[in-house]
PDB file of all heavy atoms in Angstrom:
ATOM      1  N   ASP A   1       0.820  -1.220   0.079  1.00  0.00           N
ATOM      2  CA  ASP A   1       0.103  -0.020  -0.069  1.00  0.00           C
ATOM      3  C   ASP A   1       0.822   1.250   0.018  1.00  0.00           C
ATOM      4  O   ASP A   1       0.338   2.392   0.104  1.00  0.00           O
ATOM      5  CB  ASP A   1      -0.935  -0.019   1.204  1.00  0.00           C
ATOM      6  CG  ASP A   1      -0.250  -0.291   2.503  1.00  0.00           C
ATOM      7  OD1 ASP A   1       0.836  -0.805   2.524  1.00  0.00           O
ATOM      8  OD2 ASP A   1      -0.865  -0.066   3.575  1.00  0.00           O
ATOM      9  N   PHE A   2       2.112   1.125  -0.078  1.00  0.00           N
ATOM     10  CA  PHE A   2       3.049   2.299  -0.192  1.00  0.00           C
ATOM     11  C   PHE A   2       3.482   2.485  -1.584  1.00  0.00           C
ATOM     12  O   PHE A   2       4.034   1.522  -2.235  1.00  0.00           O
ATOM     13  CB  PHE A   2       4.366   2.020   0.687  1.00  0.00           C
ATOM     14  CG  PHE A   2       4.164   2.044   2.136  1.00  0.00           C
ATOM     15  CD1 PHE A   2       3.007   1.781   2.790  1.00  0.00           C
ATOM     16  CD2 PHE A   2       5.381   2.260   2.922  1.00  0.00           C
ATOM     17  CE1 PHE A   2       2.862   1.785   4.144  1.00  0.00           C
ATOM     18  CE2 PHE A   2       5.199   2.369   4.342  1.00  0.00           C
ATOM     19  CZ  PHE A   2       3.935   2.124   4.901  1.00  0.00           C
ATOM     20  N   PRO A   3       3.276   3.668  -2.198  1.00  0.00           N
ATOM     21  CA  PRO A   3       3.721   3.912  -3.495  1.00  0.00           C
ATOM     22  C   PRO A   3       5.305   3.595  -3.734  1.00  0.00           C
ATOM     23  O   PRO A   3       5.637   3.073  -4.708  1.00  0.00           O
ATOM     24  CB  PRO A   3       3.477   5.394  -3.675  1.00  0.00           C
ATOM     25  CG  PRO A   3       2.332   5.702  -2.810  1.00  0.00           C
ATOM     26  CD  PRO A   3       2.590   4.810  -1.578  1.00  0.00           C
ATOM     27  N   GLU A   4       6.013   4.040  -2.641  1.00  0.00           N
ATOM     28  CA  GLU A   4       7.456   3.773  -2.829  1.00  0.00           C
ATOM     29  C   GLU A   4       7.867   2.365  -2.920  1.00  0.00           C
ATOM     30  O   GLU A   4       8.931   2.002  -3.410  1.00  0.00           O
ATOM     31  CB  GLU A   4       8.131   4.581  -1.591  1.00  0.00           C
ATOM     32  CG  GLU A   4       7.646   4.140  -0.235  1.00  0.00           C
ATOM     33  CD  GLU A   4       6.655   4.957   0.348  1.00  0.00           C
ATOM     34  OE1 GLU A   4       5.675   5.395  -0.425  1.00  0.00           O
ATOM     35  OE2 GLU A   4       6.611   5.205   1.614  1.00  0.00           O
ATOM     36  N   THR A   5       6.987   1.450  -2.351  1.00  0.00           N
ATOM     37  CA  THR A   5       7.363  -0.069  -2.501  1.00  0.00           C
ATOM     38  C   THR A   5       7.299  -0.472  -3.959  1.00  0.00           C
ATOM     39  O   THR A   5       8.139  -1.197  -4.390  1.00  0.00           O
ATOM     40  CB  THR A   5       6.326  -0.820  -1.676  1.00  0.00           C
ATOM     41  OG1 THR A   5       6.375  -0.488  -0.274  1.00  0.00           O
ATOM     42  CG2 THR A   5       6.505  -2.291  -1.894  1.00  0.00           C
ATOM     43  N   HIS A   6       6.369   0.137  -4.657  1.00  0.00           N
ATOM     44  CA  HIS A   6       6.241  -0.293  -6.119  1.00  0.00           C
ATOM     45  C   HIS A   6       7.420   0.315  -7.001  1.00  0.00           C
ATOM     46  O   HIS A   6       7.737  -0.214  -8.015  1.00  0.00           O
ATOM     47  CB  HIS A   6       4.926   0.057  -6.630  1.00  0.00           C
ATOM     48  CG  HIS A   6       3.864  -0.633  -6.020  1.00  0.00           C
ATOM     49  ND1 HIS A   6       3.364  -2.000  -6.220  1.00  0.00           N
ATOM     50  CD2 HIS A   6       2.994  -0.270  -4.830  1.00  0.00           C
ATOM     51  CE1 HIS A   6       2.437  -2.309  -5.382  1.00  0.00           C
ATOM     52  NE2 HIS A   6       2.313  -1.456  -4.536  1.00  0.00           N
ATOM     53  N   LEU A   7       8.008   1.509  -6.453  1.00  0.00           N
ATOM     54  CA  LEU A   7       9.098   1.977  -7.171  1.00  0.00           C
ATOM     55  C   LEU A   7      10.284   0.904  -6.982  1.00  0.00           C
ATOM     56  O   LEU A   7      11.143   0.671  -7.947  1.00  0.00           O
ATOM     57  CB  LEU A   7       9.649   3.276  -6.474  1.00  0.00           C
ATOM     58  CG  LEU A   7       8.795   4.518  -6.889  1.00  0.00           C
ATOM     59  CD1 LEU A   7       9.229   5.722  -5.923  1.00  0.00           C
ATOM     60  CD2 LEU A   7       8.927   4.899  -8.379  1.00  0.00           C
ATOM     61  N   VAL A   8      10.447   0.426  -5.780  1.00  0.00           N
ATOM     62  CA  VAL A   8      11.431  -0.708  -5.513  1.00  0.00           C
ATOM     63  C   VAL A   8      11.118  -1.922  -6.322  1.00  0.00           C
ATOM     64  O   VAL A   8      12.117  -2.425  -6.984  1.00  0.00           O
ATOM     65  CB  VAL A   8      11.497  -1.047  -4.034  1.00  0.00           C
ATOM     66  CG1 VAL A   8      12.460  -2.251  -3.834  1.00  0.00           C
ATOM     67  CG2 VAL A   8      11.948   0.188  -3.145  1.00  0.00           C
ATOM     68  N   LEU A   9       9.932  -2.293  -6.424  1.00  0.00           N
ATOM     69  CA  LEU A   9       9.551  -3.450  -7.193  1.00  0.00           C
ATOM     70  C   LEU A   9       9.831  -3.216  -8.688  1.00  0.00           C
ATOM     71  O   LEU A   9      10.217  -4.179  -9.461  1.00  0.00           O
ATOM     72  CB  LEU A   9       8.149  -3.856  -6.968  1.00  0.00           C
ATOM     73  CG  LEU A   9       7.745  -4.468  -5.586  1.00  0.00           C
ATOM     74  CD1 LEU A   9       6.357  -4.601  -5.415  1.00  0.00           C
ATOM     75  CD2 LEU A   9       8.530  -5.770  -5.446  1.00  0.00           C
ATOM     76  N   GLY A  10       9.571  -1.994  -9.178  1.00  0.00           N
ATOM     77  CA  GLY A  10       9.871  -1.693 -10.544  1.00  0.00           C
ATOM     78  C   GLY A  10      11.348  -1.781 -10.902  1.00  0.00           C
ATOM     79  O   GLY A  10      11.737  -2.287 -11.949  1.00  0.00           O
ATOM     80  N   GLY A  11      12.147  -1.194  -9.889  1.00  0.00           N
ATOM     81  CA  GLY A  11      13.600  -1.287 -10.202  1.00  0.00           C
ATOM     82  C   GLY A  11      14.108  -2.781 -10.057  1.00  0.00           C
ATOM     83  O   GLY A  11      14.901  -3.139 -10.837  1.00  0.00           O
ATOM     84  N   TRP A  12      13.362  -3.622  -9.280  1.00  0.00           N
ATOM     85  CA  TRP A  12      13.767  -5.086  -9.166  1.00  0.00           C
ATOM     86  C   TRP A  12      13.451  -5.695 -10.426  1.00  0.00           C
ATOM     87  O   TRP A  12      14.247  -6.468 -10.987  1.00  0.00           O
ATOM     88  CB  TRP A  12      12.993  -5.516  -7.923  1.00  0.00           C
ATOM     89  CG  TRP A  12      13.290  -7.033  -7.700  1.00  0.00           C
ATOM     90  CD1 TRP A  12      14.243  -7.834  -8.097  1.00  0.00           C
ATOM     91  CD2 TRP A  12      12.514  -7.822  -6.764  1.00  0.00           C
ATOM     92  NE1 TRP A  12      14.192  -9.127  -7.604  1.00  0.00           N
ATOM     93  CE2 TRP A  12      13.113  -9.112  -6.778  1.00  0.00           C
ATOM     94  CE3 TRP A  12      11.417  -7.643  -5.979  1.00  0.00           C
ATOM     95  CZ2 TRP A  12      12.558 -10.171  -6.026  1.00  0.00           C
ATOM     96  CZ3 TRP A  12      10.927  -8.652  -5.107  1.00  0.00           C
ATOM     97  CH2 TRP A  12      11.554  -9.926  -5.155  1.00  0.00           C
ATOM     98  N   ALA A  13      12.289  -5.389 -11.066  1.00  0.00           N
ATOM     99  CA  ALA A  13      11.943  -6.053 -12.287  1.00  0.00           C
ATOM    100  C   ALA A  13      12.890  -5.604 -13.353  1.00  0.00           C
ATOM    101  O   ALA A  13      13.185  -6.402 -14.334  1.00  0.00           O
ATOM    102  CB  ALA A  13      10.445  -5.621 -12.639  1.00  0.00           C
ATOM    103  N   LEU A  14      13.359  -4.248 -13.404  1.00  0.00           N
ATOM    104  CA  LEU A  14      14.206  -3.962 -14.419  1.00  0.00           C
ATOM    105  C   LEU A  14      15.645  -4.630 -14.325  1.00  0.00           C
ATOM    106  O   LEU A  14      16.219  -5.058 -15.261  1.00  0.00           O
ATOM    107  CB  LEU A  14      14.471  -2.325 -14.311  1.00  0.00           C
ATOM    108  CG  LEU A  14      13.243  -1.503 -14.791  1.00  0.00           C
ATOM    109  CD1 LEU A  14      13.566  -0.095 -14.436  1.00  0.00           C
ATOM    110  CD2 LEU A  14      13.039  -1.734 -16.225  1.00  0.00           C
ATOM    111  N   THR A  15      16.004  -4.879 -13.085  1.00  0.00           N
ATOM    112  CA  THR A  15      17.230  -5.593 -12.838  1.00  0.00           C
ATOM    113  C   THR A  15      17.181  -7.029 -13.406  1.00  0.00           C
ATOM    114  O   THR A  15      18.115  -7.569 -13.995  1.00  0.00           O
ATOM    115  CB  THR A  15      17.507  -5.706 -11.341  1.00  0.00           C
ATOM    116  OG1 THR A  15      17.743  -4.240 -10.835  1.00  0.00           O
ATOM    117  CG2 THR A  15      18.839  -6.483 -11.078  1.00  0.00           C
ATOM    118  N   LEU A  16      16.049  -7.596 -13.271  1.00  0.00           N
ATOM    119  CA  LEU A  16      15.725  -8.971 -13.802  1.00  0.00           C
ATOM    120  C   LEU A  16      15.333  -8.837 -15.251  1.00  0.00           C
ATOM    121  O   LEU A  16      14.940 -10.035 -15.868  1.00  0.00           O
ATOM    122  CB  LEU A  16      14.619  -9.618 -12.963  1.00  0.00           C
ATOM    123  CG  LEU A  16      14.919  -9.881 -11.454  1.00  0.00           C
ATOM    124  CD1 LEU A  16      13.704 -10.407 -10.703  1.00  0.00           C
ATOM    125  CD2 LEU A  16      16.115 -10.729 -11.349  1.00  0.00           C
ATOM    126  N   ARG A  17      15.363  -7.718 -15.893  1.00  0.00           N
ATOM    127  CA  ARG A  17      15.034  -7.499 -17.288  1.00  0.00           C
ATOM    128  C   ARG A  17      13.630  -8.011 -17.672  1.00  0.00           C
ATOM    129  O   ARG A  17      13.310  -8.635 -18.684  1.00  0.00           O
ATOM    130  CB  ARG A  17      16.025  -8.277 -18.160  1.00  0.00           C
ATOM    131  CG  ARG A  17      17.408  -7.746 -18.151  1.00  0.00           C
ATOM    132  CD  ARG A  17      18.376  -8.454 -19.061  1.00  0.00           C
ATOM    133  NE  ARG A  17      19.697  -7.768 -19.135  1.00  0.00           N
ATOM    134  CZ  ARG A  17      20.671  -7.867 -18.347  1.00  0.00           C
ATOM    135  NH1 ARG A  17      20.515  -8.655 -17.228  1.00  0.00           N
ATOM    136  NH2 ARG A  17      21.794  -7.155 -18.425  1.00  0.00           N
ATOM    137  N   ASN A  18      12.761  -7.754 -16.655  1.00  0.00           N
ATOM    138  CA  ASN A  18      11.318  -8.146 -16.924  1.00  0.00           C
ATOM    139  C   ASN A  18      10.578  -6.811 -17.059  1.00  0.00           C
ATOM    140  O   ASN A  18      10.036  -6.156 -16.102  1.00  0.00           O
ATOM    141  CB  ASN A  18      10.841  -8.833 -15.665  1.00  0.00           C
ATOM    142  CG  ASN A  18       9.392  -9.332 -15.811  1.00  0.00           C
ATOM    143  OD1 ASN A  18       8.703  -8.870 -16.638  1.00  0.00           O
ATOM    144  ND2 ASN A  18       8.997 -10.417 -14.964  1.00  0.00           N
ATOM    145  N   ALA A  19      10.522  -6.288 -18.352  1.00  0.00           N
ATOM    146  CA  ALA A  19       9.892  -5.034 -18.692  1.00  0.00           C
ATOM    147  C   ALA A  19       8.349  -5.032 -18.363  1.00  0.00           C
ATOM    148  O   ALA A  19       7.909  -4.027 -17.868  1.00  0.00           O
ATOM    149  CB  ALA A  19      10.149  -4.594 -20.041  1.00  0.00           C
ATOM    150  N   PRO A  20       7.657  -6.077 -18.728  1.00  0.00           N
ATOM    151  CA  PRO A  20       6.225  -6.076 -18.314  1.00  0.00           C
ATOM    152  C   PRO A  20       5.925  -5.916 -16.872  1.00  0.00           C
ATOM    153  O   PRO A  20       5.024  -5.092 -16.518  1.00  0.00           O
ATOM    154  CB  PRO A  20       5.641  -7.352 -18.921  1.00  0.00           C
ATOM    155  CG  PRO A  20       6.682  -7.655 -20.026  1.00  0.00           C
ATOM    156  CD  PRO A  20       7.942  -7.230 -19.558  1.00  0.00           C
ATOM    157  N   ALA A  21       6.591  -6.641 -16.068  1.00  0.00           N
ATOM    158  CA  ALA A  21       6.471  -6.492 -14.580  1.00  0.00           C
ATOM    159  C   ALA A  21       6.809  -5.139 -14.121  1.00  0.00           C
ATOM    160  O   ALA A  21       6.206  -4.481 -13.254  1.00  0.00           O
ATOM    161  CB  ALA A  21       7.199  -7.564 -13.874  1.00  0.00           C
ATOM    162  N   ALA A  22       7.893  -4.573 -14.700  1.00  0.00           N
ATOM    163  CA  ALA A  22       8.264  -3.172 -14.398  1.00  0.00           C
ATOM    164  C   ALA A  22       7.284  -2.197 -14.647  1.00  0.00           C
ATOM    165  O   ALA A  22       6.978  -1.220 -13.924  1.00  0.00           O
ATOM    166  CB  ALA A  22       9.666  -2.899 -15.070  1.00  0.00           C
ATOM    167  N   GLU A  23       6.692  -2.360 -15.846  1.00  0.00           N
ATOM    168  CA  GLU A  23       5.605  -1.368 -16.272  1.00  0.00           C
ATOM    169  C   GLU A  23       4.432  -1.446 -15.287  1.00  0.00           C
ATOM    170  O   GLU A  23       3.867  -0.416 -14.878  1.00  0.00           O
ATOM    171  CB  GLU A  23       5.095  -1.673 -17.719  1.00  0.00           C
ATOM    172  CG  GLU A  23       4.053  -0.653 -18.141  1.00  0.00           C
ATOM    173  CD  GLU A  23       3.578  -0.867 -19.530  1.00  0.00           C
ATOM    174  OE1 GLU A  23       4.038  -1.720 -20.219  1.00  0.00           O
ATOM    175  OE2 GLU A  23       2.673  -0.102 -20.020  1.00  0.00           O
ATOM    176  N   ARG A  24       3.991  -2.674 -14.889  1.00  0.00           N
ATOM    177  CA  ARG A  24       2.960  -2.873 -13.940  1.00  0.00           C
ATOM    178  C   ARG A  24       3.252  -2.303 -12.667  1.00  0.00           C
ATOM    179  O   ARG A  24       2.462  -1.708 -11.944  1.00  0.00           O
ATOM    180  CB  ARG A  24       2.570  -4.289 -13.842  1.00  0.00           C
ATOM    181  CG  ARG A  24       1.838  -4.870 -15.264  1.00  0.00           C
ATOM    182  CD  ARG A  24       1.239  -6.218 -14.860  1.00  0.00           C
ATOM    183  NE  ARG A  24       2.294  -7.310 -14.638  1.00  0.00           N
ATOM    184  CZ  ARG A  24       2.769  -8.025 -15.677  1.00  0.00           C
ATOM    185  NH1 ARG A  24       2.511  -7.798 -16.892  1.00  0.00           N
ATOM    186  NH2 ARG A  24       3.657  -8.957 -15.332  1.00  0.00           N
TER     187      ARG A  24
END
């Protein structure tokens, strides 16, 4: 429920080269 958590998850997805998950 924290916006900043999804920033972390987006960065995590980019590190894993998972662009669809990063966009979500």
